[in-house]
Every structure is written in structure tokens, then in C-alpha cells.
Amino acid sequence: MAAGSTVNLLAKLGLGSPNRCLVMLVLVWLLNVLWLGLNYFWRFASVQVLLAVPILLLVYGLVALLAYVYWGVKRVREEDAPYANVMVGVIVAITLLYFSFTLLRFVLEAVG
């Protein structure tokens, strides 16, 4: 039931399906980073955990990039959708990859 109210809220905000996907992608990444910052477990966590989190965020960004390219091109071919949707998704995914890589470099400098 909560999913229906979330969809209604996003529809009222004017976020259609492609825009909703982009917003959710960025929101999930920000929540992951916010969770790390709020818990501030850098002093308590082992080195493996400190390295695993940014690596998982990098994998998440890579999967997002591949998914946006695959489904975006598929939608362009099947529904004659504009390529701009694919480009926006790719730009967002590359931005997430860049932020994840920067976070990984920060963790490597902090650990080392």
C-alpha cells in the first residue's frame, strides 16, 4: 500500500517514469553516503568494510550505467524515444561513478 502512495506523491511532483528513475538513482546513492556520514563508523570499522562500501558504490554506478544504456537504447529502438533520455541517464550514472571513485580515493587516503 505504501508503494501506491509513493507513486502518487511522485506523480504530483511531476516526476514521470524516466525522471523518477533518475531521481531514485541519485536519492539512493545520496542515502548510502549519508548513512556512512551519520554513522561515522570510520574509527570502528575494519579496513575491509571501509574499502568494501565505496567499491560496492562503484559497482552500483557501473550497473546503473549499463542499465541506462541498455534499456535506453532498447526504448529508442522500440518506441522511437529521444536519445536525450539515454544521455541524461548516462550523465547521471557517470556522475555517480565519479563521486564513488572520489569517495574510494578519500577512504584509501584516510586508511593509508
Protein backbone atom coordinates (compact mmCIF):
# COMPACT_ATOMS: atom_id res chain seq x y z
CA MET A 1 0.00 0.00 0.00
CA ALA A 2 2.91 2.35 0.70
CA ALA A 3 4.18 1.92 -2.85
CA GLY A 4 0.93 3.33 -4.26
CA SER A 5 1.14 6.43 -2.09
CA THR A 6 4.78 6.94 -3.09
CA VAL A 7 3.84 6.72 -6.77
CA ASN A 8 1.01 9.20 -6.20
CA LEU A 9 3.38 11.60 -4.44
CA LEU A 10 5.93 11.38 -7.26
CA ALA A 11 3.20 11.86 -9.86
CA LYS A 12 2.00 15.01 -8.04
CA LEU A 13 5.57 16.31 -8.09
CA GLY A 14 5.61 15.87 -11.85
CA LEU A 15 8.15 13.06 -11.88
CA GLY A 16 7.23 10.73 -14.71
CA SER A 17 8.72 7.28 -15.07
CA PRO A 18 12.10 8.24 -16.63
CA ASN A 19 12.54 11.20 -14.28
CA ARG A 20 11.51 9.07 -11.33
CA CYS A 21 14.22 6.54 -12.17
CA LEU A 22 16.86 9.27 -12.28
CA VAL A 23 15.68 10.82 -9.04
CA MET A 24 15.62 7.45 -7.29
CA LEU A 25 19.11 6.59 -8.55
CA VAL A 26 20.56 9.79 -7.16
CA LEU A 27 18.49 9.54 -3.98
CA VAL A 28 19.68 6.00 -3.23
CA TRP A 29 23.31 6.99 -3.77
CA LEU A 30 22.94 10.04 -1.53
CA LEU A 31 21.24 7.99 1.18
CA ASN A 32 24.08 5.48 1.08
CA VAL A 33 26.67 8.21 1.51
CA LEU A 34 24.55 9.97 4.14
CA TRP A 35 24.27 6.70 6.07
CA LEU A 36 28.04 6.46 6.09
CA GLY A 37 28.40 10.02 7.29
CA LEU A 38 25.75 9.82 10.00
CA ASN A 39 27.04 6.61 11.49
CA TYR A 40 30.63 7.86 11.36
CA PHE A 41 31.92 4.37 11.79
CA TRP A 42 35.29 5.15 10.18
CA ARG A 43 37.07 4.67 13.50
CA PHE A 44 35.26 1.47 14.43
CA ALA A 45 35.03 -0.41 11.14
CA SER A 46 37.71 -2.69 9.80
CA VAL A 47 39.72 -1.78 6.72
CA GLN A 48 37.82 -4.35 4.67
CA VAL A 49 34.49 -2.65 5.41
CA LEU A 50 35.91 0.80 4.71
CA LEU A 51 37.09 -0.39 1.30
CA ALA A 52 34.05 -2.53 0.51
CA VAL A 53 31.47 0.26 0.77
CA PRO A 54 32.98 2.56 -1.91
CA ILE A 55 33.73 -0.45 -4.11
CA LEU A 56 30.09 -1.54 -3.85
CA LEU A 57 29.00 2.01 -4.73
CA LEU A 58 31.30 1.85 -7.79
CA VAL A 59 29.71 -1.43 -8.84
CA TYR A 60 26.27 0.11 -8.28
CA GLY A 61 27.18 3.06 -10.53
CA LEU A 62 28.56 0.75 -13.22
CA VAL A 63 25.40 -1.37 -13.19
CA ALA A 64 23.30 1.80 -13.39
CA LEU A 65 25.34 2.99 -16.38
CA LEU A 66 24.93 -0.32 -18.19
CA ALA A 67 21.21 -0.45 -17.38
CA TYR A 68 20.54 3.07 -18.65
CA VAL A 69 22.41 2.39 -21.87
CA TYR A 70 20.75 -0.99 -22.47
CA TRP A 71 17.17 -0.03 -21.66
CA GLY A 72 17.52 3.46 -23.09
CA VAL A 73 18.71 2.20 -26.47
CA LYS A 74 16.07 -0.54 -26.37
CA ARG A 75 13.38 2.08 -25.76
CA VAL A 76 14.76 4.26 -28.56
CA ARG A 77 14.59 1.35 -30.99
CA GLU A 78 11.16 0.08 -29.95
CA GLU A 79 9.29 3.29 -29.17
CA ASP A 80 11.31 5.90 -31.08
CA ALA A 81 12.05 7.70 -27.82
CA PRO A 82 14.55 10.56 -27.98
CA TYR A 83 18.22 9.87 -27.33
CA ALA A 84 18.23 12.70 -24.77
CA ASN A 85 16.78 10.33 -22.16
CA VAL A 86 19.70 7.96 -22.69
CA MET A 87 22.19 10.81 -22.43
CA VAL A 88 20.69 12.12 -19.20
CA GLY A 89 20.80 8.66 -17.65
CA VAL A 90 24.40 8.16 -18.76
CA ILE A 91 25.43 11.55 -17.37
CA VAL A 92 23.80 10.79 -14.00
CA ALA A 93 25.41 7.33 -13.85
CA ILE A 94 28.85 8.73 -14.77
CA THR A 95 28.44 11.39 -12.10
CA LEU A 96 27.67 8.69 -9.53
CA LEU A 97 30.74 6.76 -10.71
CA TYR A 98 32.86 9.87 -10.28
CA PHE A 99 31.53 10.52 -6.77
CA SER A 100 32.04 6.88 -5.81
CA PHE A 101 35.60 6.93 -7.14
CA THR A 102 36.31 10.14 -5.22
CA LEU A 103 34.90 8.52 -2.07
CA LEU A 104 37.13 5.48 -2.64
CA ARG A 105 40.20 7.71 -3.01
CA PHE A 106 39.25 9.55 0.20
CA VAL A 107 38.91 6.25 2.08
CA LEU A 108 42.25 4.99 0.72
CA GLU A 109 43.96 8.19 1.85
CA ALA A 110 42.28 8.04 5.28
CA VAL A 111 43.20 4.38 5.81
CA GLY A 112 46.73 4.65 4.46
